[in-house]
């Protein structure tokens, strides 16, 4: 069972709940500022967000790869109201923040709502 903590990220579902979708468009892959990532898709439930186990081998391997400047796959994000929500790449985002990286390549899908 995952460990839950006080939310660090907003829930994408909670942010768009009850809003009418106008459009959804693929914006391609480009670098984004990791500090502009405000939320998560599918990792927050009932006001709680799953935490990343920073002691796991997976996390350590990703952090080591980033520190040695290895090219990793782009993270995937949704953007709503100029705010980014992680779809895939939670470990990469956390590791990049920990080592002070400012940008990660991200595959972006933009949603526009009323």
N, C-alpha and C. Protein backbone atom coordinates (compact mmCIF):
# COMPACT_ATOMS: atom_id res chain seq x y z
N UNK A 1 0.84 -1.18 0.00
CA UNK A 1 0.00 0.00 0.00
C UNK A 1 0.89 1.25 0.00
N UNK A 2 0.58 2.22 -0.87
CA UNK A 2 1.43 3.41 -0.94
C UNK A 2 1.32 4.27 0.31
N UNK A 3 2.38 4.96 0.60
CA UNK A 3 2.41 5.91 1.71
C UNK A 3 1.83 7.23 1.21
N UNK A 4 0.90 7.78 1.96
CA UNK A 4 0.29 9.05 1.57
C UNK A 4 0.79 10.15 2.48
N UNK A 5 0.92 11.34 1.93
CA UNK A 5 1.40 12.48 2.69
C UNK A 5 0.56 13.70 2.38
N UNK A 6 0.84 14.77 3.08
CA UNK A 6 0.18 16.03 2.79
C UNK A 6 0.45 16.39 1.33
N UNK A 7 -0.57 16.82 0.59
CA UNK A 7 -0.38 17.07 -0.83
C UNK A 7 0.70 18.11 -1.11
N UNK A 8 1.64 17.72 -1.95
CA UNK A 8 2.63 18.66 -2.46
C UNK A 8 2.18 19.14 -3.83
N UNK A 9 1.43 18.29 -4.49
CA UNK A 9 0.92 18.59 -5.81
C UNK A 9 -0.60 18.71 -5.78
N UNK A 10 -1.12 19.50 -6.70
CA UNK A 10 -2.57 19.59 -6.90
C UNK A 10 -3.02 18.35 -7.67
N UNK A 11 -4.26 17.99 -7.48
CA UNK A 11 -4.86 16.89 -8.23
C UNK A 11 -5.45 17.44 -9.53
N UNK A 12 -5.03 16.88 -10.65
CA UNK A 12 -5.57 17.28 -11.95
C UNK A 12 -7.09 17.10 -11.97
N UNK A 13 -7.55 15.95 -11.51
CA UNK A 13 -8.99 15.66 -11.52
C UNK A 13 -9.78 16.69 -10.71
N UNK A 14 -9.25 17.08 -9.56
CA UNK A 14 -9.94 18.07 -8.74
C UNK A 14 -9.94 19.44 -9.40
N UNK A 15 -8.89 19.77 -10.13
CA UNK A 15 -8.79 21.07 -10.79
C UNK A 15 -9.77 21.20 -11.96
N UNK A 16 -10.07 20.11 -12.64
CA UNK A 16 -10.94 20.19 -13.82
C UNK A 16 -12.36 19.69 -13.55
N UNK A 17 -12.61 19.15 -12.38
CA UNK A 17 -13.92 18.62 -12.03
C UNK A 17 -15.00 19.68 -12.20
N UNK A 18 -16.01 19.36 -12.97
CA UNK A 18 -17.14 20.26 -13.16
C UNK A 18 -16.94 21.31 -14.24
N UNK A 19 -15.76 21.37 -14.81
CA UNK A 19 -15.49 22.35 -15.88
C UNK A 19 -15.78 21.71 -17.23
N UNK A 20 -16.20 22.53 -18.19
CA UNK A 20 -16.51 22.03 -19.53
C UNK A 20 -15.27 22.10 -20.41
N UNK A 21 -14.90 20.95 -20.98
CA UNK A 21 -13.74 20.86 -21.86
C UNK A 21 -14.05 21.55 -23.19
N UNK A 22 -13.19 22.49 -23.58
CA UNK A 22 -13.32 23.17 -24.86
C UNK A 22 -12.47 22.49 -25.92
N UNK A 23 -11.21 22.21 -25.56
CA UNK A 23 -10.31 21.57 -26.53
C UNK A 23 -9.19 20.83 -25.83
N UNK A 24 -8.61 19.91 -26.59
CA UNK A 24 -7.44 19.16 -26.14
C UNK A 24 -6.51 19.09 -27.34
N UNK A 25 -5.25 19.49 -27.15
CA UNK A 25 -4.33 19.49 -28.29
C UNK A 25 -2.93 19.08 -27.88
N UNK A 26 -2.29 18.34 -28.79
CA UNK A 26 -0.92 17.88 -28.59
C UNK A 26 0.01 19.02 -28.94
N UNK A 27 0.91 19.37 -28.04
CA UNK A 27 1.82 20.50 -28.24
C UNK A 27 3.25 20.07 -28.54
N UNK A 28 3.50 18.77 -28.60
CA UNK A 28 4.83 18.29 -28.91
C UNK A 28 5.69 18.12 -27.67
N UNK A 29 6.99 17.96 -27.91
CA UNK A 29 7.96 17.76 -26.83
C UNK A 29 8.90 18.95 -26.80
N UNK A 30 9.04 19.52 -25.60
CA UNK A 30 9.95 20.65 -25.42
C UNK A 30 10.37 20.72 -23.96
N UNK A 31 11.44 21.45 -23.65
CA UNK A 31 11.86 21.59 -22.26
C UNK A 31 10.85 22.45 -21.48
N UNK A 32 10.56 22.03 -20.25
CA UNK A 32 9.73 22.85 -19.36
C UNK A 32 10.46 23.04 -18.04
N UNK A 33 10.13 24.13 -17.37
CA UNK A 33 10.68 24.44 -16.05
C UNK A 33 10.03 23.52 -15.03
N UNK A 34 10.83 22.69 -14.36
CA UNK A 34 10.26 21.74 -13.40
C UNK A 34 9.57 22.44 -12.23
N UNK A 35 9.94 23.68 -11.97
CA UNK A 35 9.30 24.42 -10.88
C UNK A 35 7.90 24.90 -11.23
N UNK A 36 7.51 24.77 -12.50
CA UNK A 36 6.16 25.13 -12.92
C UNK A 36 5.22 23.93 -12.93
N UNK A 37 5.74 22.79 -12.50
CA UNK A 37 4.90 21.60 -12.37
C UNK A 37 4.19 21.70 -11.03
N UNK A 38 2.86 21.79 -11.08
CA UNK A 38 2.09 22.03 -9.86
C UNK A 38 1.26 20.84 -9.41
N UNK A 39 1.10 19.84 -10.30
CA UNK A 39 0.18 18.78 -9.93
C UNK A 39 0.48 17.45 -10.57
N UNK A 40 -0.42 16.52 -10.30
CA UNK A 40 -0.26 15.15 -10.74
C UNK A 40 -1.59 14.62 -11.28
N UNK A 41 -1.48 13.73 -12.25
CA UNK A 41 -2.65 13.06 -12.80
C UNK A 41 -2.65 11.64 -12.25
N UNK A 42 -3.63 11.30 -11.45
CA UNK A 42 -3.78 9.94 -10.97
C UNK A 42 -2.99 9.55 -9.73
N UNK A 43 -2.26 10.46 -9.12
CA UNK A 43 -1.49 10.12 -7.92
C UNK A 43 -2.04 10.78 -6.67
N UNK A 44 -3.09 11.56 -6.81
CA UNK A 44 -3.70 12.21 -5.65
C UNK A 44 -5.14 11.70 -5.52
N UNK A 45 -5.50 11.30 -4.30
CA UNK A 45 -6.83 10.77 -4.05
C UNK A 45 -7.32 11.29 -2.70
N UNK A 46 -8.54 11.80 -2.68
CA UNK A 46 -9.14 12.29 -1.44
C UNK A 46 -8.24 13.27 -0.70
N UNK A 47 -7.62 14.17 -1.44
CA UNK A 47 -6.78 15.19 -0.82
C UNK A 47 -5.40 14.74 -0.41
N UNK A 48 -5.03 13.49 -0.71
CA UNK A 48 -3.70 12.98 -0.36
C UNK A 48 -2.97 12.56 -1.63
N UNK A 49 -1.66 12.78 -1.65
CA UNK A 49 -0.85 12.40 -2.81
C UNK A 49 0.16 11.32 -2.42
N UNK A 50 0.35 10.37 -3.32
CA UNK A 50 1.35 9.33 -3.09
C UNK A 50 2.74 9.96 -3.10
N UNK A 51 3.58 9.53 -2.19
CA UNK A 51 4.94 10.05 -2.16
C UNK A 51 5.87 9.13 -2.94
N UNK A 52 6.99 9.69 -3.35
CA UNK A 52 8.03 8.94 -4.03
C UNK A 52 8.98 8.39 -2.97
N UNK A 53 9.28 7.11 -3.05
CA UNK A 53 10.24 6.51 -2.13
C UNK A 53 11.65 6.83 -2.62
N UNK A 54 12.26 7.82 -2.00
CA UNK A 54 13.59 8.27 -2.43
C UNK A 54 14.69 7.30 -2.04
N UNK A 55 14.35 6.26 -1.30
CA UNK A 55 15.33 5.22 -0.97
C UNK A 55 15.24 4.02 -1.90
N UNK A 56 14.27 4.04 -2.81
CA UNK A 56 14.11 2.91 -3.73
C UNK A 56 15.25 2.89 -4.74
N UNK A 57 15.57 1.70 -5.22
CA UNK A 57 16.63 1.56 -6.22
C UNK A 57 16.25 2.30 -7.50
N UNK A 58 14.99 2.26 -7.85
CA UNK A 58 14.52 2.95 -9.06
C UNK A 58 14.82 4.44 -8.98
N UNK A 59 14.47 5.06 -7.85
CA UNK A 59 14.72 6.49 -7.68
C UNK A 59 16.21 6.79 -7.72
N UNK A 60 16.99 5.98 -7.02
CA UNK A 60 18.45 6.20 -6.99
C UNK A 60 19.06 6.08 -8.39
N UNK A 61 18.58 5.11 -9.18
CA UNK A 61 19.09 4.94 -10.54
C UNK A 61 18.75 6.14 -11.42
N UNK A 62 17.54 6.65 -11.29
CA UNK A 62 17.13 7.82 -12.07
C UNK A 62 17.94 9.04 -11.67
N UNK A 63 18.11 9.23 -10.38
CA UNK A 63 18.90 10.37 -9.89
C UNK A 63 20.34 10.29 -10.41
N UNK A 64 20.92 9.11 -10.33
CA UNK A 64 22.30 8.91 -10.80
C UNK A 64 22.41 9.19 -12.30
N UNK A 65 21.43 8.73 -13.07
CA UNK A 65 21.43 8.97 -14.52
C UNK A 65 21.34 10.46 -14.82
N UNK A 66 20.49 11.17 -14.10
CA UNK A 66 20.37 12.62 -14.31
C UNK A 66 21.65 13.34 -13.92
N UNK A 67 22.26 12.92 -12.82
CA UNK A 67 23.51 13.54 -12.38
C UNK A 67 24.63 13.34 -13.39
N UNK A 68 24.62 12.21 -14.08
CA UNK A 68 25.67 11.94 -15.07
C UNK A 68 25.27 12.43 -16.47
N UNK A 69 24.18 13.22 -16.51
CA UNK A 69 23.70 13.86 -17.75
C UNK A 69 23.28 12.87 -18.83
N UNK A 70 22.83 11.68 -18.43
CA UNK A 70 22.29 10.73 -19.40
C UNK A 70 20.94 11.25 -19.89
N UNK A 71 20.66 10.98 -21.14
CA UNK A 71 19.38 11.39 -21.72
C UNK A 71 18.33 10.36 -21.34
N UNK A 72 17.29 10.82 -20.66
CA UNK A 72 16.18 9.96 -20.26
C UNK A 72 14.96 10.31 -21.11
N UNK A 73 13.99 9.42 -21.20
CA UNK A 73 12.78 9.74 -21.96
C UNK A 73 12.10 10.99 -21.40
N UNK A 74 11.43 11.71 -22.28
CA UNK A 74 10.69 12.90 -21.85
C UNK A 74 9.58 12.49 -20.89
N UNK A 75 9.33 13.34 -19.90
CA UNK A 75 8.17 13.12 -19.04
C UNK A 75 6.93 13.46 -19.85
N UNK A 76 5.77 13.08 -19.36
CA UNK A 76 4.52 13.43 -20.02
C UNK A 76 3.72 14.30 -19.06
N UNK A 77 3.19 15.40 -19.59
CA UNK A 77 2.42 16.32 -18.76
C UNK A 77 1.16 16.79 -19.48
N UNK A 78 0.18 17.16 -18.67
CA UNK A 78 -0.99 17.89 -19.15
C UNK A 78 -0.79 19.33 -18.70
N UNK A 79 -1.26 20.27 -19.51
CA UNK A 79 -1.22 21.67 -19.11
C UNK A 79 -2.64 22.23 -19.15
N UNK A 80 -3.02 22.87 -18.04
CA UNK A 80 -4.32 23.52 -17.90
C UNK A 80 -4.06 24.86 -17.24
N UNK A 81 -4.58 25.93 -17.84
CA UNK A 81 -4.41 27.27 -17.27
C UNK A 81 -2.94 27.58 -16.99
N UNK A 82 -2.06 27.18 -17.91
CA UNK A 82 -0.61 27.41 -17.79
C UNK A 82 0.03 26.71 -16.59
N UNK A 83 -0.60 25.67 -16.08
CA UNK A 83 -0.04 24.88 -14.99
C UNK A 83 0.16 23.45 -15.49
N UNK A 84 1.31 22.87 -15.14
CA UNK A 84 1.66 21.52 -15.60
C UNK A 84 1.32 20.46 -14.55
N UNK A 85 0.77 19.33 -15.05
CA UNK A 85 0.41 18.19 -14.21
C UNK A 85 1.11 16.95 -14.76
N UNK A 86 1.83 16.23 -13.91
CA UNK A 86 2.59 15.06 -14.34
C UNK A 86 1.66 13.89 -14.64
N UNK A 87 1.81 13.33 -15.83
CA UNK A 87 1.12 12.10 -16.21
C UNK A 87 2.08 10.92 -16.02
N UNK A 88 3.30 11.08 -16.52
CA UNK A 88 4.33 10.05 -16.41
C UNK A 88 5.66 10.73 -16.18
N UNK A 89 6.39 10.28 -15.16
CA UNK A 89 7.71 10.85 -14.89
C UNK A 89 7.86 11.42 -13.50
N UNK A 90 7.04 10.97 -12.56
CA UNK A 90 7.11 11.49 -11.19
C UNK A 90 8.50 11.33 -10.59
N UNK A 91 9.12 10.18 -10.78
CA UNK A 91 10.47 9.95 -10.24
C UNK A 91 11.48 10.89 -10.88
N UNK A 92 11.39 11.08 -12.20
CA UNK A 92 12.32 11.97 -12.90
C UNK A 92 12.17 13.41 -12.43
N UNK A 93 10.93 13.83 -12.20
CA UNK A 93 10.70 15.20 -11.73
C UNK A 93 11.28 15.38 -10.33
N UNK A 94 10.97 14.46 -9.42
CA UNK A 94 11.48 14.59 -8.05
C UNK A 94 13.00 14.56 -8.01
N UNK A 95 13.61 13.64 -8.78
CA UNK A 95 15.07 13.55 -8.80
C UNK A 95 15.69 14.81 -9.39
N UNK A 96 15.09 15.34 -10.44
CA UNK A 96 15.64 16.56 -11.06
C UNK A 96 15.56 17.74 -10.10
N UNK A 97 14.48 17.84 -9.36
CA UNK A 97 14.36 18.92 -8.36
C UNK A 97 15.41 18.75 -7.27
N UNK A 98 15.62 17.51 -6.84
CA UNK A 98 16.57 17.26 -5.77
C UNK A 98 18.00 17.65 -6.16
N UNK A 99 18.36 17.43 -7.41
CA UNK A 99 19.74 17.75 -7.82
C UNK A 99 19.87 19.15 -8.41
N UNK A 100 18.77 19.89 -8.45
CA UNK A 100 18.82 21.28 -8.89
C UNK A 100 18.69 21.52 -10.38
N UNK A 101 18.22 20.52 -11.12
CA UNK A 101 17.96 20.74 -12.55
C UNK A 101 16.76 21.65 -12.70
N UNK A 102 16.83 22.54 -13.66
CA UNK A 102 15.73 23.48 -13.86
C UNK A 102 14.74 23.02 -14.93
N UNK A 103 15.22 22.27 -15.93
CA UNK A 103 14.38 21.91 -17.06
C UNK A 103 14.45 20.42 -17.35
N UNK A 104 13.31 19.89 -17.80
CA UNK A 104 13.21 18.51 -18.29
C UNK A 104 12.44 18.55 -19.60
N UNK A 105 12.79 17.66 -20.53
CA UNK A 105 11.99 17.53 -21.74
C UNK A 105 10.64 16.93 -21.35
N UNK A 106 9.59 17.48 -21.94
CA UNK A 106 8.24 17.01 -21.63
C UNK A 106 7.40 16.93 -22.89
N UNK A 107 6.66 15.85 -22.99
CA UNK A 107 5.64 15.70 -24.03
C UNK A 107 4.37 16.32 -23.46
N UNK A 108 3.82 17.30 -24.16
CA UNK A 108 2.77 18.14 -23.59
C UNK A 108 1.44 17.98 -24.32
N UNK A 109 0.39 17.81 -23.53
CA UNK A 109 -0.98 17.85 -24.05
C UNK A 109 -1.68 18.97 -23.29
N UNK A 110 -2.23 19.92 -24.06
CA UNK A 110 -2.90 21.07 -23.45
C UNK A 110 -4.41 20.88 -23.46
N UNK A 111 -5.03 21.17 -22.33
CA UNK A 111 -6.48 21.12 -22.18
C UNK A 111 -6.98 22.54 -21.93
N UNK A 112 -8.07 22.90 -22.60
CA UNK A 112 -8.70 24.20 -22.36
C UNK A 112 -10.12 23.95 -21.88
N UNK A 113 -10.46 24.63 -20.80
CA UNK A 113 -11.77 24.47 -20.16
C UNK A 113 -12.46 25.81 -19.99
N UNK A 114 -13.79 25.75 -19.85
CA UNK A 114 -14.57 26.92 -19.43
C UNK A 114 -14.51 27.00 -17.94
